[in-house]
Amino acid sequence: MNKNELVTSMAEKTGMKKTEVEKVLKAFTDTVAAELKKGEKIQLVGFGTFEVAERPAREGRNPRTGETMKIAASKAPKFKAGKALKDMVN
């Protein structure tokens, strides 16, 4: 499912116009991104948790040459599904 299909599905379920749903979806994604950038965690009970995972610096290998190289520490967004979502999928 892509973004347009998601917007259409949400509009049908809520009775809202597609343009309104797009605004709500954009506000949601912008808010999640802004909070993660600040290092905050967003918990939606029954759905899941969005948080930032810290990746430590490490050594890796260049697959082409086999040389070792340093990989810098970084942060990555992470989503952990909640129990209710896991149960719905299974």
PDB file of N, CA and C in Angstrom:
ATOM      1  N   MET A   1       0.854  -1.176   0.000  1.00  0.00           N
ATOM      2  CA  MET A   1       0.000   0.000   0.000  1.00  0.00           C
ATOM      3  C   MET A   1       0.893   1.230   0.000  1.00  0.00           C
ATOM      4  N   ASN A   2       0.637   2.143  -0.924  1.00  0.00           N
ATOM      5  CA  ASN A   2       1.408   3.383  -0.950  1.00  0.00           C
ATOM      6  C   ASN A   2       0.628   4.496  -0.244  1.00  0.00           C
ATOM      7  N   LYS A   3       1.188   5.687  -0.234  1.00  0.00           N
ATOM      8  CA  LYS A   3       0.587   6.810   0.498  1.00  0.00           C
ATOM      9  C   LYS A   3      -0.800   7.142  -0.039  1.00  0.00           C
ATOM     10  N   ASN A   4      -0.959   7.185  -1.361  1.00  0.00           N
ATOM     11  CA  ASN A   4      -2.271   7.529  -1.935  1.00  0.00           C
ATOM     12  C   ASN A   4      -3.323   6.498  -1.571  1.00  0.00           C
ATOM     13  N   GLU A   5      -2.955   5.233  -1.588  1.00  0.00           N
ATOM     14  CA  GLU A   5      -3.900   4.181  -1.216  1.00  0.00           C
ATOM     15  C   GLU A   5      -4.254   4.277   0.270  1.00  0.00           C
ATOM     16  N   LEU A   6      -3.282   4.611   1.094  1.00  0.00           N
ATOM     17  CA  LEU A   6      -3.531   4.794   2.523  1.00  0.00           C
ATOM     18  C   LEU A   6      -4.493   5.954   2.758  1.00  0.00           C
ATOM     19  N   VAL A   7      -4.255   7.063   2.090  1.00  0.00           N
ATOM     20  CA  VAL A   7      -5.126   8.241   2.226  1.00  0.00           C
ATOM     21  C   VAL A   7      -6.543   7.892   1.794  1.00  0.00           C
ATOM     22  N   THR A   8      -6.683   7.188   0.688  1.00  0.00           N
ATOM     23  CA  THR A   8      -8.006   6.800   0.197  1.00  0.00           C
ATOM     24  C   THR A   8      -8.711   5.900   1.203  1.00  0.00           C
ATOM     25  N   SER A   9      -8.015   4.923   1.729  1.00  0.00           N
ATOM     26  CA  SER A   9      -8.600   4.004   2.703  1.00  0.00           C
ATOM     27  C   SER A   9      -9.028   4.740   3.976  1.00  0.00           C
ATOM     28  N   MET A  10      -8.165   5.639   4.453  1.00  0.00           N
ATOM     29  CA  MET A  10      -8.496   6.396   5.655  1.00  0.00           C
ATOM     30  C   MET A  10      -9.690   7.316   5.416  1.00  0.00           C
ATOM     31  N   ALA A  11      -9.761   7.918   4.241  1.00  0.00           N
ATOM     32  CA  ALA A  11     -10.882   8.806   3.914  1.00  0.00           C
ATOM     33  C   ALA A  11     -12.187   8.028   3.894  1.00  0.00           C
ATOM     34  N   GLU A  12     -12.165   6.833   3.335  1.00  0.00           N
ATOM     35  CA  GLU A  12     -13.375   6.001   3.298  1.00  0.00           C
ATOM     36  C   GLU A  12     -13.822   5.607   4.703  1.00  0.00           C
ATOM     37  N   LYS A  13     -12.874   5.270   5.564  1.00  0.00           N
ATOM     38  CA  LYS A  13     -13.212   4.820   6.918  1.00  0.00           C
ATOM     39  C   LYS A  13     -13.666   5.949   7.828  1.00  0.00           C
ATOM     40  N   THR A  14     -13.162   7.169   7.594  1.00  0.00           N
ATOM     41  CA  THR A  14     -13.500   8.281   8.480  1.00  0.00           C
ATOM     42  C   THR A  14     -14.598   9.181   7.935  1.00  0.00           C
ATOM     43  N   GLY A  15     -14.847   9.099   6.630  1.00  0.00           N
ATOM     44  CA  GLY A  15     -15.823   9.999   6.023  1.00  0.00           C
ATOM     45  C   GLY A  15     -15.258  11.391   5.766  1.00  0.00           C
ATOM     46  N   MET A  16     -13.957  11.554   5.949  1.00  0.00           N
ATOM     47  CA  MET A  16     -13.307  12.836   5.695  1.00  0.00           C
ATOM     48  C   MET A  16     -12.924  12.929   4.225  1.00  0.00           C
ATOM     49  N   LYS A  17     -12.665  14.152   3.775  1.00  0.00           N
ATOM     50  CA  LYS A  17     -12.180  14.357   2.410  1.00  0.00           C
ATOM     51  C   LYS A  17     -10.722  13.921   2.339  1.00  0.00           C
ATOM     52  N   LYS A  18     -10.308  13.509   1.147  1.00  0.00           N
ATOM     53  CA  LYS A  18      -8.926  13.064   0.968  1.00  0.00           C
ATOM     54  C   LYS A  18      -7.929  14.170   1.313  1.00  0.00           C
ATOM     55  N   THR A  19      -8.260  15.407   0.981  1.00  0.00           N
ATOM     56  CA  THR A  19      -7.337  16.511   1.276  1.00  0.00           C
ATOM     57  C   THR A  19      -7.168  16.700   2.783  1.00  0.00           C
ATOM     58  N   GLU A  20      -8.255  16.503   3.530  1.00  0.00           N
ATOM     59  CA  GLU A  20      -8.176  16.615   4.989  1.00  0.00           C
ATOM     60  C   GLU A  20      -7.326  15.487   5.565  1.00  0.00           C
ATOM     61  N   VAL A  21      -7.536  14.268   5.045  1.00  0.00           N
ATOM     62  CA  VAL A  21      -6.778  13.117   5.523  1.00  0.00           C
ATOM     63  C   VAL A  21      -5.291  13.305   5.227  1.00  0.00           C
ATOM     64  N   GLU A  22      -4.971  13.841   4.044  1.00  0.00           N
ATOM     65  CA  GLU A  22      -3.567  14.098   3.698  1.00  0.00           C
ATOM     66  C   GLU A  22      -2.925  15.059   4.689  1.00  0.00           C
ATOM     67  N   LYS A  23      -3.672  16.109   5.083  1.00  0.00           N
ATOM     68  CA  LYS A  23      -3.156  17.073   6.064  1.00  0.00           C
ATOM     69  C   LYS A  23      -2.905  16.399   7.408  1.00  0.00           C
ATOM     70  N   VAL A  24      -3.843  15.549   7.826  1.00  0.00           N
ATOM     71  CA  VAL A  24      -3.708  14.843   9.106  1.00  0.00           C
ATOM     72  C   VAL A  24      -2.514  13.890   9.056  1.00  0.00           C
ATOM     73  N   LEU A  25      -2.380  13.145   7.973  1.00  0.00           N
ATOM     74  CA  LEU A  25      -1.272  12.206   7.829  1.00  0.00           C
ATOM     75  C   LEU A  25       0.066  12.939   7.810  1.00  0.00           C
ATOM     76  N   LYS A  26       0.131  14.061   7.103  1.00  0.00           N
ATOM     77  CA  LYS A  26       1.364  14.858   7.058  1.00  0.00           C
ATOM     78  C   LYS A  26       1.692  15.412   8.439  1.00  0.00           C
ATOM     79  N   ALA A  27       0.678  15.884   9.155  1.00  0.00           N
ATOM     80  CA  ALA A  27       0.900  16.398  10.512  1.00  0.00           C
ATOM     81  C   ALA A  27       1.417  15.285  11.422  1.00  0.00           C
ATOM     82  N   PHE A  28       0.875  14.081  11.276  1.00  0.00           N
ATOM     83  CA  PHE A  28       1.325  12.942  12.079  1.00  0.00           C
ATOM     84  C   PHE A  28       2.783  12.617  11.790  1.00  0.00           C
ATOM     85  N   THR A  29       3.136  12.469  10.518  1.00  0.00           N
ATOM     86  CA  THR A  29       4.511  12.108  10.172  1.00  0.00           C
ATOM     87  C   THR A  29       5.492  13.221  10.549  1.00  0.00           C
ATOM     88  N   ASP A  30       5.097  14.476  10.366  1.00  0.00           N
ATOM     89  CA  ASP A  30       5.966  15.595  10.749  1.00  0.00           C
ATOM     90  C   ASP A  30       6.194  15.628  12.259  1.00  0.00           C
ATOM     91  N   THR A  31       5.135  15.365  13.029  1.00  0.00           N
ATOM     92  CA  THR A  31       5.241  15.370  14.487  1.00  0.00           C
ATOM     93  C   THR A  31       6.122  14.232  14.967  1.00  0.00           C
ATOM     94  N   VAL A  32       5.934  13.038  14.403  1.00  0.00           N
ATOM     95  CA  VAL A  32       6.767  11.893  14.776  1.00  0.00           C
ATOM     96  C   VAL A  32       8.231  12.196  14.461  1.00  0.00           C
ATOM     97  N   ALA A  33       8.503  12.712  13.274  1.00  0.00           N
ATOM     98  CA  ALA A  33       9.880  13.027  12.881  1.00  0.00           C
ATOM     99  C   ALA A  33      10.498  14.078  13.805  1.00  0.00           C
ATOM    100  N   ALA A  34       9.742  15.111  14.138  1.00  0.00           N
ATOM    101  CA  ALA A  34      10.255  16.177  15.001  1.00  0.00           C
ATOM    102  C   ALA A  34      10.568  15.649  16.408  1.00  0.00           C
ATOM    103  N   GLU A  35       9.695  14.811  16.937  1.00  0.00           N
ATOM    104  CA  GLU A  35       9.921  14.268  18.277  1.00  0.00           C
ATOM    105  C   GLU A  35      11.117  13.316  18.286  1.00  0.00           C
ATOM    106  N   LEU A  36      11.249  12.497  17.260  1.00  0.00           N
ATOM    107  CA  LEU A  36      12.396  11.597  17.187  1.00  0.00           C
ATOM    108  C   LEU A  36      13.693  12.381  17.051  1.00  0.00           C
ATOM    109  N   LYS A  37      13.646  13.473  16.305  1.00  0.00           N
ATOM    110  CA  LYS A  37      14.838  14.317  16.148  1.00  0.00           C
ATOM    111  C   LYS A  37      15.280  14.880  17.499  1.00  0.00           C
ATOM    112  N   LYS A  38      14.306  15.178  18.375  1.00  0.00           N
ATOM    113  CA  LYS A  38      14.618  15.687  19.716  1.00  0.00           C
ATOM    114  C   LYS A  38      15.043  14.560  20.660  1.00  0.00           C
ATOM    115  N   GLY A  39      14.950  13.317  20.195  1.00  0.00           N
ATOM    116  CA  GLY A  39      15.325  12.183  21.035  1.00  0.00           C
ATOM    117  C   GLY A  39      14.186  11.648  21.874  1.00  0.00           C
ATOM    118  N   GLU A  40      12.987  12.089  21.598  1.00  0.00           N
ATOM    119  CA  GLU A  40      11.814  11.652  22.357  1.00  0.00           C
ATOM    120  C   GLU A  40      11.293  10.317  21.831  1.00  0.00           C
ATOM    121  N   LYS A  41      10.411   9.701  22.606  1.00  0.00           N
ATOM    122  CA  LYS A  41       9.785   8.445  22.233  1.00  0.00           C
ATOM    123  C   LYS A  41       8.276   8.689  22.098  1.00  0.00           C
ATOM    124  N   ILE A  42       7.653   8.094  21.097  1.00  0.00           N
ATOM    125  CA  ILE A  42       6.212   8.231  20.902  1.00  0.00           C
ATOM    126  C   ILE A  42       5.580   6.863  21.068  1.00  0.00           C
ATOM    127  N   GLN A  43       4.694   6.745  22.058  1.00  0.00           N
ATOM    128  CA  GLN A  43       4.077   5.459  22.360  1.00  0.00           C
ATOM    129  C   GLN A  43       2.585   5.536  22.083  1.00  0.00           C
ATOM    130  N   LEU A  44       2.116   4.687  21.179  1.00  0.00           N
ATOM    131  CA  LEU A  44       0.700   4.573  20.874  1.00  0.00           C
ATOM    132  C   LEU A  44       0.235   3.225  21.419  1.00  0.00           C
ATOM    133  N   VAL A  45      -0.421   3.243  22.565  1.00  0.00           N
ATOM    134  CA  VAL A  45      -0.806   2.009  23.250  1.00  0.00           C
ATOM    135  C   VAL A  45      -1.642   1.135  22.317  1.00  0.00           C
ATOM    136  N   GLY A  46      -1.260  -0.114  22.224  1.00  0.00           N
ATOM    137  CA  GLY A  46      -1.962  -1.070  21.375  1.00  0.00           C
ATOM    138  C   GLY A  46      -1.455  -1.096  19.945  1.00  0.00           C
ATOM    139  N   PHE A  47      -0.726  -0.071  19.527  1.00  0.00           N
ATOM    140  CA  PHE A  47      -0.200  -0.027  18.160  1.00  0.00           C
ATOM    141  C   PHE A  47       1.302  -0.259  18.156  1.00  0.00           C
ATOM    142  N   GLY A  48       2.044   0.615  18.863  1.00  0.00           N
ATOM    143  CA  GLY A  48       3.486   0.447  18.918  1.00  0.00           C
ATOM    144  C   GLY A  48       4.195   1.694  19.391  1.00  0.00           C
ATOM    145  N   THR A  49       5.520   1.633  19.340  1.00  0.00           N
ATOM    146  CA  THR A  49       6.355   2.716  19.832  1.00  0.00           C
ATOM    147  C   THR A  49       7.377   3.120  18.784  1.00  0.00           C
ATOM    148  N   PHE A  50       7.478   4.418  18.558  1.00  0.00           N
ATOM    149  CA  PHE A  50       8.511   4.986  17.699  1.00  0.00           C
ATOM    150  C   PHE A  50       9.590   5.529  18.618  1.00  0.00           C
ATOM    151  N   GLU A  51      10.852   5.161  18.352  1.00  0.00           N
ATOM    152  CA  GLU A  51      11.945   5.679  19.164  1.00  0.00           C
ATOM    153  C   GLU A  51      13.224   5.737  18.335  1.00  0.00           C
ATOM    154  N   VAL A  52      14.255   6.316  18.929  1.00  0.00           N
ATOM    155  CA  VAL A  52      15.543   6.440  18.256  1.00  0.00           C
ATOM    156  C   VAL A  52      16.493   5.399  18.837  1.00  0.00           C
ATOM    157  N   ALA A  53      17.125   4.637  17.959  1.00  0.00           N
ATOM    158  CA  ALA A  53      18.116   3.644  18.378  1.00  0.00           C
ATOM    159  C   ALA A  53      19.508   4.209  18.133  1.00  0.00           C
ATOM    160  N   GLU A  54      20.374   4.066  19.123  1.00  0.00           N
ATOM    161  CA  GLU A  54      21.765   4.523  19.015  1.00  0.00           C
ATOM    162  C   GLU A  54      22.597   3.386  18.444  1.00  0.00           C
ATOM    163  N   ARG A  55      23.294   3.655  17.369  1.00  0.00           N
ATOM    164  CA  ARG A  55      24.207   2.664  16.793  1.00  0.00           C
ATOM    165  C   ARG A  55      25.636   3.091  17.111  1.00  0.00           C
ATOM    166  N   PRO A  56      26.369   2.265  17.843  1.00  0.00           N
ATOM    167  CA  PRO A  56      27.743   2.646  18.195  1.00  0.00           C
ATOM    168  C   PRO A  56      28.670   2.581  16.985  1.00  0.00           C
ATOM    169  N   ALA A  57      29.799   3.269  17.095  1.00  0.00           N
ATOM    170  CA  ALA A  57      30.817   3.199  16.041  1.00  0.00           C
ATOM    171  C   ALA A  57      31.350   1.770  16.003  1.00  0.00           C
ATOM    172  N   ARG A  58      31.701   1.320  14.814  1.00  0.00           N
ATOM    173  CA  ARG A  58      32.198  -0.039  14.683  1.00  0.00           C
ATOM    174  C   ARG A  58      33.092  -0.152  13.457  1.00  0.00           C
ATOM    175  N   GLU A  59      33.746  -1.276  13.350  1.00  0.00           N
ATOM    176  CA  GLU A  59      34.574  -1.530  12.181  1.00  0.00           C
ATOM    177  C   GLU A  59      33.800  -2.434  11.227  1.00  0.00           C
ATOM    178  N   GLY A  60      33.898  -2.123   9.938  1.00  0.00           N
ATOM    179  CA  GLY A  60      33.257  -2.932   8.921  1.00  0.00           C
ATOM    180  C   GLY A  60      34.256  -3.264   7.834  1.00  0.00           C
ATOM    181  N   ARG A  61      33.780  -3.944   6.816  1.00  0.00           N
ATOM    182  CA  ARG A  61      34.649  -4.294   5.692  1.00  0.00           C
ATOM    183  C   ARG A  61      34.051  -3.783   4.402  1.00  0.00           C
ATOM    184  N   ASN A  62      34.931  -3.262   3.556  1.00  0.00           N
ATOM    185  CA  ASN A  62      34.531  -2.877   2.212  1.00  0.00           C
ATOM    186  C   ASN A  62      34.353  -4.182   1.429  1.00  0.00           C
ATOM    187  N   PRO A  63      33.130  -4.474   0.962  1.00  0.00           N
ATOM    188  CA  PRO A  63      32.904  -5.757   0.284  1.00  0.00           C
ATOM    189  C   PRO A  63      33.688  -5.904  -1.016  1.00  0.00           C
ATOM    190  N   ARG A  64      34.009  -4.814  -1.639  1.00  0.00           N
ATOM    191  CA  ARG A  64      34.732  -4.873  -2.916  1.00  0.00           C
ATOM    192  C   ARG A  64      36.217  -5.191  -2.718  1.00  0.00           C
ATOM    193  N   THR A  65      36.836  -4.504  -1.734  1.00  0.00           N
ATOM    194  CA  THR A  65      38.287  -4.651  -1.558  1.00  0.00           C
ATOM    195  C   THR A  65      38.654  -5.513  -0.353  1.00  0.00           C
ATOM    196  N   GLY A  66      37.733  -5.704   0.576  1.00  0.00           N
ATOM    197  CA  GLY A  66      38.031  -6.476   1.779  1.00  0.00           C
ATOM    198  C   GLY A  66      38.735  -5.676   2.853  1.00  0.00           C
ATOM    199  N   GLU A  67      39.035  -4.395   2.594  1.00  0.00           N
ATOM    200  CA  GLU A  67      39.713  -3.548   3.571  1.00  0.00           C
ATOM    201  C   GLU A  67      38.789  -3.247   4.737  1.00  0.00           C
ATOM    202  N   THR A  68      39.377  -3.155   5.944  1.00  0.00           N
ATOM    203  CA  THR A  68      38.574  -2.749   7.092  1.00  0.00           C
ATOM    204  C   THR A  68      38.404  -1.236   7.041  1.00  0.00           C
ATOM    205  N   MET A  69      37.260  -0.789   7.531  1.00  0.00           N
ATOM    206  CA  MET A  69      36.970   0.643   7.560  1.00  0.00           C
ATOM    207  C   MET A  69      36.166   0.948   8.805  1.00  0.00           C
ATOM    208  N   LYS A  70      36.242   2.189   9.245  1.00  0.00           N
ATOM    209  CA  LYS A  70      35.496   2.610  10.421  1.00  0.00           C
ATOM    210  C   LYS A  70      34.122   3.114   9.992  1.00  0.00           C
ATOM    211  N   ILE A  71      33.101   2.671  10.712  1.00  0.00           N
ATOM    212  CA  ILE A  71      31.735   3.139  10.486  1.00  0.00           C
ATOM    213  C   ILE A  71      31.378   4.000  11.688  1.00  0.00           C
ATOM    214  N   ALA A  72      31.007   5.232  11.434  1.00  0.00           N
ATOM    215  CA  ALA A  72      30.732   6.193  12.509  1.00  0.00           C
ATOM    216  C   ALA A  72      29.464   5.816  13.276  1.00  0.00           C
ATOM    217  N   ALA A  73      29.402   6.280  14.514  1.00  0.00           N
ATOM    218  CA  ALA A  73      28.195   6.103  15.321  1.00  0.00           C
ATOM    219  C   ALA A  73      27.055   6.878  14.666  1.00  0.00           C
ATOM    220  N   SER A  74      25.845   6.368  14.814  1.00  0.00           N
ATOM    221  CA  SER A  74      24.701   7.046  14.209  1.00  0.00           C
ATOM    222  C   SER A  74      23.432   6.761  15.012  1.00  0.00           C
ATOM    223  N   LYS A  75      22.402   7.456  14.664  1.00  0.00           N
ATOM    224  CA  LYS A  75      21.081   7.260  15.261  1.00  0.00           C
ATOM    225  C   LYS A  75      20.144   6.820  14.148  1.00  0.00           C
ATOM    226  N   ALA A  76      19.215   5.922  14.472  1.00  0.00           N
ATOM    227  CA  ALA A  76      18.267   5.427  13.481  1.00  0.00           C
ATOM    228  C   ALA A  76      16.872   5.349  14.086  1.00  0.00           C
ATOM    229  N   PRO A  77      15.839   5.751  13.322  1.00  0.00           N
ATOM    230  CA  PRO A  77      14.476   5.601  13.825  1.00  0.00           C
ATOM    231  C   PRO A  77      14.115   4.125  13.910  1.00  0.00           C
ATOM    232  N   LYS A  78      13.319   3.780  14.906  1.00  0.00           N
ATOM    233  CA  LYS A  78      12.965   2.388  15.143  1.00  0.00           C
ATOM    234  C   LYS A  78      11.491   2.318  15.522  1.00  0.00           C
ATOM    235  N   PHE A  79      10.802   1.290  15.046  1.00  0.00           N
ATOM    236  CA  PHE A  79       9.409   1.069  15.422  1.00  0.00           C
ATOM    237  C   PHE A  79       9.291  -0.307  16.039  1.00  0.00           C
ATOM    238  N   LYS A  80       8.676  -0.366  17.203  1.00  0.00           N
ATOM    239  CA  LYS A  80       8.430  -1.640  17.873  1.00  0.00           C
ATOM    240  C   LYS A  80       6.922  -1.825  17.965  1.00  0.00           C
ATOM    241  N   ALA A  81       6.422  -2.877  17.349  1.00  0.00           N
ATOM    242  CA  ALA A  81       4.979  -3.132  17.329  1.00  0.00           C
ATOM    243  C   ALA A  81       4.481  -3.492  18.718  1.00  0.00           C
ATOM    244  N   GLY A  82       3.280  -3.007  19.039  1.00  0.00           N
ATOM    245  CA  GLY A  82       2.651  -3.321  20.312  1.00  0.00           C
ATOM    246  C   GLY A  82       1.971  -4.677  20.269  1.00  0.00           C
ATOM    247  N   LYS A  83       1.573  -5.178  21.424  1.00  0.00           N
ATOM    248  CA  LYS A  83       0.980  -6.503  21.532  1.00  0.00           C
ATOM    249  C   LYS A  83      -0.291  -6.627  20.707  1.00  0.00           C
ATOM    250  N   ALA A  84      -1.159  -5.637  20.756  1.00  0.00           N
ATOM    251  CA  ALA A  84      -2.421  -5.707  20.023  1.00  0.00           C
ATOM    252  C   ALA A  84      -2.173  -5.801  18.513  1.00  0.00           C
ATOM    253  N   LEU A  85      -1.207  -5.043  18.004  1.00  0.00           N
ATOM    254  CA  LEU A  85      -0.879  -5.084  16.573  1.00  0.00           C
ATOM    255  C   LEU A  85      -0.292  -6.444  16.217  1.00  0.00           C
ATOM    256  N   LYS A  86       0.591  -6.954  17.046  1.00  0.00           N
ATOM    257  CA  LYS A  86       1.176  -8.283  16.809  1.00  0.00           C
ATOM    258  C   LYS A  86       0.083  -9.345  16.769  1.00  0.00           C
ATOM    259  N   ASP A  87      -0.852  -9.256  17.708  1.00  0.00           N
ATOM    260  CA  ASP A  87      -1.944 -10.245  17.763  1.00  0.00           C
ATOM    261  C   ASP A  87      -2.830 -10.159  16.533  1.00  0.00           C
ATOM    262  N   MET A  88      -3.078  -8.963  16.024  1.00  0.00           N
ATOM    263  CA  MET A  88      -3.921  -8.799  14.823  1.00  0.00           C
ATOM    264  C   MET A  88      -3.256  -9.419  13.605  1.00  0.00           C
ATOM    265  N   VAL A  89      -1.920  -9.269  13.509  1.00  0.00           N
ATOM    266  CA  VAL A  89      -1.180  -9.801  12.359  1.00  0.00           C
ATOM    267  C   VAL A  89      -1.131 -11.323  12.432  1.00  0.00           C
ATOM    268  N   ASN A  90      -0.976 -11.863  13.632  1.00  0.00           N
ATOM    269  CA  ASN A  90      -0.899 -13.317  13.795  1.00  0.00           C
ATOM    270  C   ASN A  90      -2.290 -13.848  13.926  1.00  0.00           C
TER     271      ASN A  90
END
